[in-house]
Amino acid sequence: SIVDIEDLKRLVESWELVEKLGGLISSKKYLKFLQSSVDMGLYHGLDDVDYKTEIPLIKQAIADVESCCA
C-alpha cells in the first residue's frame, strides 16, 4: 500500500511528543492539567506554554498514538 508521507511524519511527531511528555498516561494527565488550568483561569505556571496551540497538539498526538495501538 502507498503511505502518505505527511501522515507518517505527523505520526512520528506525535509519538515523539507523547514520549517527551513521559508516555501516554503522563500525556493524558498533563493535558488534563493544562485544560483544567485554562478552564479555571489559572495561567500562573503556564508562562512558557502557548496553551491555545499546545492543547490541540497534545490531543492530536494522544489520538494518533492510541490509533496505532488499537
C-alpha atoms as a PDB file:
ATOM      1  CA  SER A   1       0.000   0.000   0.000  1.00  0.00           C
ATOM      2  CA  ILE A   2       1.032   3.603  -0.509  1.00  0.00           C
ATOM      3  CA  VAL A   3       1.957   5.565   2.606  1.00  0.00           C
ATOM      4  CA  ASP A   4       1.209   9.274   2.779  1.00  0.00           C
ATOM      5  CA  ILE A   5       4.497  10.856   3.856  1.00  0.00           C
ATOM      6  CA  GLU A   6       2.741  13.736   5.642  1.00  0.00           C
ATOM      7  CA  ASP A   7       0.631  11.301   7.680  1.00  0.00           C
ATOM      8  CA  LEU A   8       3.709   9.290   8.547  1.00  0.00           C
ATOM      9  CA  LYS A   9       5.572  12.444   9.566  1.00  0.00           C
ATOM     10  CA  ARG A  10       2.657  13.510  11.818  1.00  0.00           C
ATOM     11  CA  LEU A  11       2.546  10.067  13.440  1.00  0.00           C
ATOM     12  CA  VAL A  12       6.267  10.146  14.181  1.00  0.00           C
ATOM     13  CA  GLU A  13       5.982  13.668  15.622  1.00  0.00           C
ATOM     14  CA  SER A  14       3.014  12.561  17.723  1.00  0.00           C
ATOM     15  CA  TRP A  15       4.949   9.606  19.127  1.00  0.00           C
ATOM     16  CA  GLU A  16       7.892  11.884  19.899  1.00  0.00           C
ATOM     17  CA  LEU A  17       5.671  14.386  21.717  1.00  0.00           C
ATOM     18  CA  VAL A  18       3.947  11.696  23.766  1.00  0.00           C
ATOM     19  CA  GLU A  19       7.321  10.190  24.692  1.00  0.00           C
ATOM     20  CA  LYS A  20       8.672  13.648  25.575  1.00  0.00           C
ATOM     21  CA  LEU A  21       5.742  14.068  27.969  1.00  0.00           C
ATOM     22  CA  GLY A  22       6.552  10.763  29.651  1.00  0.00           C
ATOM     23  CA  GLY A  23       4.329   8.354  27.763  1.00  0.00           C
ATOM     24  CA  LEU A  24       0.644   8.034  27.046  1.00  0.00           C
ATOM     25  CA  ILE A  25      -0.629   8.105  30.620  1.00  0.00           C
ATOM     26  CA  SER A  26       1.549  11.083  31.565  1.00  0.00           C
ATOM     27  CA  SER A  27       0.500  12.898  28.395  1.00  0.00           C
ATOM     28  CA  LYS A  28      -3.158  12.459  29.290  1.00  0.00           C
ATOM     29  CA  LYS A  29      -2.520  13.728  32.822  1.00  0.00           C
ATOM     30  CA  TYR A  30      -0.606  16.746  31.501  1.00  0.00           C
ATOM     31  CA  LEU A  31      -3.398  17.506  29.020  1.00  0.00           C
ATOM     32  CA  LYS A  32      -5.967  17.290  31.804  1.00  0.00           C
ATOM     33  CA  PHE A  33      -3.850  19.616  33.958  1.00  0.00           C
ATOM     34  CA  LEU A  34      -3.459  22.160  31.147  1.00  0.00           C
ATOM     35  CA  GLN A  35      -7.137  22.075  30.234  1.00  0.00           C
ATOM     36  CA  SER A  36      -8.347  22.409  33.823  1.00  0.00           C
ATOM     37  CA  SER A  37      -5.886  25.244  34.499  1.00  0.00           C
ATOM     38  CA  VAL A  38      -7.140  27.123  31.451  1.00  0.00           C
ATOM     39  CA  ASP A  39     -10.794  26.389  32.313  1.00  0.00           C
ATOM     40  CA  MET A  40     -10.286  27.807  35.809  1.00  0.00           C
ATOM     41  CA  GLY A  41      -8.361  30.813  34.548  1.00  0.00           C
ATOM     42  CA  LEU A  42      -5.166  29.784  36.303  1.00  0.00           C
ATOM     43  CA  TYR A  43      -2.440  30.857  33.942  1.00  0.00           C
ATOM     44  CA  HIS A  44       0.365  31.112  36.501  1.00  0.00           C
ATOM     45  CA  GLY A  45       2.849  28.344  35.966  1.00  0.00           C
ATOM     46  CA  LEU A  46       1.926  28.249  32.280  1.00  0.00           C
ATOM     47  CA  ASP A  47       4.150  31.178  31.349  1.00  0.00           C
ATOM     48  CA  ASP A  48       6.132  29.341  28.682  1.00  0.00           C
ATOM     49  CA  VAL A  49       3.172  27.348  27.326  1.00  0.00           C
ATOM     50  CA  ASP A  50       1.058  28.530  24.413  1.00  0.00           C
ATOM     51  CA  TYR A  51      -1.941  26.521  25.543  1.00  0.00           C
ATOM     52  CA  LYS A  52      -4.060  27.603  22.554  1.00  0.00           C
ATOM     53  CA  THR A  53      -1.804  25.564  20.269  1.00  0.00           C
ATOM     54  CA  GLU A  54      -0.412  23.126  22.829  1.00  0.00           C
ATOM     55  CA  ILE A  55      -3.748  21.618  23.922  1.00  0.00           C
ATOM     56  CA  PRO A  56      -4.940  20.674  20.392  1.00  0.00           C
ATOM     57  CA  LEU A  57      -1.458  19.412  19.540  1.00  0.00           C
ATOM     58  CA  ILE A  58      -1.361  17.118  22.575  1.00  0.00           C
ATOM     59  CA  LYS A  59      -4.913  15.921  21.911  1.00  0.00           C
ATOM     60  CA  GLN A  60      -3.971  15.007  18.342  1.00  0.00           C
ATOM     61  CA  ALA A  61      -0.762  13.305  19.462  1.00  0.00           C
ATOM     62  CA  ILE A  62      -2.650  11.197  22.008  1.00  0.00           C
ATOM     63  CA  ALA A  63      -5.261  10.249  19.386  1.00  0.00           C
ATOM     64  CA  ASP A  64      -2.528   9.330  16.901  1.00  0.00           C
ATOM     65  CA  VAL A  65      -0.683   7.123  19.378  1.00  0.00           C
ATOM     66  CA  GLU A  66      -3.894   5.458  20.519  1.00  0.00           C
ATOM     67  CA  SER A  67      -4.913   4.774  16.921  1.00  0.00           C
ATOM     68  CA  CYS A  68      -1.644   2.941  16.347  1.00  0.00           C
ATOM     69  CA  CYS A  69      -2.008   0.887  19.492  1.00  0.00           C
ATOM     70  CA  ALA A  70      -5.620  -0.185  18.878  1.00  0.00           C
END
